[in-house]
Protein backbone atom coordinates (compact mmCIF):
# COMPACT_ATOMS: atom_id res chain seq x y z
CA MET A 1 -27.65 18.69 13.96
CA THR A 2 -29.52 20.52 16.69
CA THR A 3 -31.13 23.92 16.27
CA ILE A 4 -31.97 26.18 19.20
CA TYR A 5 -34.78 28.70 18.69
CA GLU A 6 -36.42 31.49 20.64
CA PHE A 7 -40.04 32.57 20.35
CA ALA A 8 -40.62 35.32 17.79
CA VAL A 9 -43.47 37.75 17.26
CA MET A 10 -45.33 37.56 13.95
CA GLU A 11 -46.58 40.49 11.91
CA GLY A 12 -50.04 41.38 13.23
CA GLN A 13 -49.95 38.78 16.01
CA GLU A 14 -52.17 39.56 18.98
CA TRP A 15 -50.53 40.81 22.15
CA VAL A 16 -51.66 40.23 25.74
CA LEU A 17 -50.20 42.66 28.26
CA PRO A 18 -50.61 43.38 31.98
CA VAL A 19 -53.15 46.08 32.77
CA ASP A 20 -50.78 47.39 35.46
CA GLU A 21 -47.61 48.37 33.58
CA GLY A 22 -45.61 47.79 36.75
CA TYR A 23 -45.75 44.07 35.97
CA PHE A 24 -43.55 44.44 32.89
CA ASP A 25 -40.49 44.55 35.14
CA PHE A 26 -41.73 41.46 36.96
CA PHE A 27 -42.03 39.51 33.70
CA PHE A 28 -38.54 40.67 32.62
CA GLY A 29 -37.21 39.44 35.94
CA LEU A 30 -38.41 35.84 35.66
CA ASP A 31 -35.24 33.98 36.58
CA GLY A 32 -36.16 30.32 36.85
CA ARG A 33 -37.59 30.35 40.35
CA SER A 34 -41.02 28.86 40.95
CA LEU A 35 -43.71 31.47 41.41
CA GLY A 36 -45.42 29.43 44.14
CA ASP A 37 -48.42 31.31 45.56
CA TRP A 38 -47.84 34.38 43.38
CA GLU A 39 -50.98 36.41 42.67
CA PRO A 40 -51.18 36.70 38.86
CA PRO A 41 -51.86 40.10 37.33
CA LEU A 42 -54.88 41.13 35.31
CA MET A 43 -54.06 40.87 31.59
CA ARG A 44 -55.69 42.49 28.57
CA ARG A 45 -55.65 41.84 24.87
CA VAL A 46 -54.18 44.81 23.03
CA SER A 47 -56.84 46.45 20.94
CA GLY A 48 -56.42 48.37 17.73
CA GLY A 49 -56.22 47.11 14.20
CA ASP A 50 -57.25 43.54 13.59
CA PRO A 51 -54.70 41.37 15.43
CA VAL A 52 -54.24 37.79 14.29
CA TYR A 53 -55.48 35.26 16.85
CA SER A 54 -52.59 33.29 18.33
CA ASP A 55 -52.41 30.18 20.48
CA PHE A 56 -49.26 31.92 21.83
CA PRO A 57 -50.25 35.59 22.20
CA TRP A 58 -47.21 37.83 22.50
CA LEU A 59 -45.86 39.28 25.73
CA GLY A 60 -42.18 38.71 24.94
CA GLU A 61 -39.60 36.06 24.13
CA HIS A 62 -38.79 35.86 27.86
CA ALA A 63 -42.34 35.07 29.02
CA PRO A 64 -44.36 32.82 26.68
CA LEU A 65 -48.12 32.95 27.01
CA LEU A 66 -50.34 30.10 25.89
CA ARG A 67 -54.04 29.87 25.14
CA GLU A 68 -56.08 26.79 26.02
CA PRO A 69 -55.43 24.84 22.76
CA ALA A 70 -51.67 25.13 23.35
CA VAL A 71 -51.99 24.18 27.03
CA ASP A 72 -54.10 21.13 26.11
CA VAL A 73 -51.49 19.87 23.63
CA LEU A 74 -48.26 20.88 25.36
CA ALA A 75 -48.82 20.76 29.15
CA ALA A 76 -47.30 17.30 29.64
CA SER A 77 -44.20 18.07 27.59
CA LEU A 78 -43.71 21.46 29.28
CA ARG A 79 -44.05 20.20 32.85
CA PRO A 80 -40.38 19.07 33.21
CA TYR A 81 -39.21 22.57 32.24
CA GLY A 82 -41.42 24.89 34.24
CA GLU A 83 -44.90 25.74 35.41
CA LEU A 84 -48.06 26.84 33.63
CA ILE A 85 -49.77 29.60 35.60
CA PRO A 86 -53.22 30.88 34.67
CA LEU A 87 -53.38 34.66 34.44
CA ARG A 88 -56.42 36.84 35.08
CA GLY A 89 -58.52 38.76 32.57
CA GLU A 90 -57.61 37.05 29.32
CA LYS A 91 -57.80 33.26 29.31
CA VAL A 92 -54.03 32.73 28.99
CA TRP A 93 -51.34 30.87 30.90
CA LEU A 94 -47.81 32.07 31.58
CA PHE A 95 -45.16 29.42 31.03
CA ASN A 96 -42.65 30.19 33.78
CA VAL A 97 -39.51 28.36 32.70
CA THR A 98 -37.67 26.95 35.71
CA ASN A 99 -35.10 25.01 33.68
CA VAL A 100 -32.10 27.36 33.77
CA ILE A 101 -28.96 26.15 32.02
CA ASP A 102 -25.68 28.06 31.94
CA ALA A 103 -25.04 26.96 28.35
CA LEU A 104 -23.92 30.24 26.78
CA ASP A 105 -20.51 29.90 25.14
CA ARG A 106 -19.22 33.41 25.86
CA GLU A 107 -16.10 32.95 23.72
CA ARG A 108 -18.04 32.17 20.53
CA SER A 109 -21.06 34.41 21.19
CA LYS A 110 -21.13 38.07 20.23
CA ILE A 111 -21.97 39.86 23.47
CA ILE A 112 -22.25 43.54 24.34
CA TYR A 113 -21.36 44.23 27.96
CA PHE A 114 -22.12 47.04 30.38
CA ASP A 115 -19.07 48.74 31.91
CA ASP A 116 -19.52 46.63 35.07
CA GLY A 117 -19.26 43.37 33.06
CA ASP A 118 -22.95 42.46 33.06
CA ILE A 119 -24.48 41.50 29.72
CA LEU A 120 -26.35 44.29 27.93
CA ALA A 121 -27.26 42.33 24.79
CA ILE A 122 -26.33 39.22 22.87
CA GLU A 123 -26.10 39.78 19.12
CA ARG A 124 -25.08 36.22 18.24
CA TYR A 125 -25.59 33.18 20.42
CA ALA A 126 -23.32 30.18 20.70
CA PHE A 127 -24.15 27.38 23.10
CA ALA A 128 -22.35 24.47 24.70
CA ALA A 129 -24.46 21.61 23.32
CA ASP A 130 -23.25 19.20 26.01
CA LYS A 131 -24.75 21.44 28.70
CA ILE A 132 -28.13 21.59 26.94
CA GLY A 133 -28.28 17.85 26.30
CA THR A 134 -31.81 16.80 25.41
CA ALA A 135 -33.54 19.71 27.19
CA GLU A 136 -36.38 20.93 24.99
CA VAL A 137 -36.89 24.22 26.85
CA PHE A 138 -34.50 26.37 28.90
CA LYS A 139 -33.45 29.88 29.90
CA LEU A 140 -30.03 31.31 30.58
CA PRO A 141 -29.12 32.53 34.09
CA MET A 142 -29.50 36.22 33.25
CA ARG A 143 -32.22 38.85 33.54
CA ALA A 144 -34.77 38.81 30.72
CA SER A 145 -33.28 35.72 29.13
CA PRO A 146 -35.32 34.58 26.17
CA VAL A 147 -36.92 31.18 26.45
CA PHE A 148 -35.02 28.82 24.17
CA VAL A 149 -36.49 25.67 22.62
CA ASN A 150 -35.06 22.90 20.48
CA ASP A 151 -36.16 21.15 17.28
CA ALA A 152 -38.30 18.59 19.11
CA PHE A 153 -40.37 21.32 20.76
CA VAL A 154 -40.77 23.31 17.53
CA ASP A 155 -41.85 20.14 15.70
CA ARG A 156 -44.37 19.33 18.44
CA VAL A 157 -45.92 22.81 18.13
CA ARG A 158 -46.03 22.67 14.34
CA ASN A 159 -47.44 19.12 14.24
CA ALA A 160 -50.18 20.11 16.71
CA GLY A 161 -51.50 22.72 14.27
CA LEU A 162 -51.26 25.54 16.80
CA ARG A 163 -51.98 28.90 15.24
CA ALA A 164 -49.84 32.01 14.85
CA VAL A 165 -46.71 30.95 16.70
CA ALA A 166 -43.26 31.67 15.32
CA PHE A 167 -39.72 30.74 16.23
CA LYS A 168 -36.45 32.40 15.32
CA PRO A 169 -33.46 30.09 14.90
CA ARG A 170 -30.62 31.37 17.11
CA TRP A 171 -27.95 28.64 16.91
CA THR A 172 -27.17 25.33 15.26
CA SER A 173 -24.72 22.74 16.49
CA ASP A 174 -22.95 22.85 13.10
CA GLY A 175 -22.45 26.63 13.36
CA SER A 176 -24.57 27.47 10.28
CA ILE A 177 -26.68 30.03 12.20
CA GLY A 178 -25.20 32.86 14.16
CA ASP A 179 -23.31 35.15 11.85
């Protein structure tokens, strides 16, 4: 059985956000293309309260950020699926996923559509396992797609002892998750 997860935010987890709020739309728009010579934005750790240190500070499920311990452990296994780009301000790297797989099973997923037919939200995911194959990390070909990871990736993160990173199971090949 295969489980597909997306990154999840933890209670109290630290957040790292762009200083210029105009970059939020840029991060939502990451669509699998290489960022090439892109000039990374200045990032800041959100203050207030006492946030829990994370090796994966939160920006969103569509744009994972990694701190140095996570980069050190995961860089080689992430390389086939995207690019690690250092950001400015906070010492974090954006993992820009370039592995885009059209694996969404629209018939078995629960999808809310805009009037024009574009996807507004997906309430329950179903995937075509044969399209995913052994890919450990991928995105769907849609705006603001979450980054999806499989069991092997989640196990690698957990076995590395990385701190304050969470995953939400979104689908299993036996259909036990989704309803």
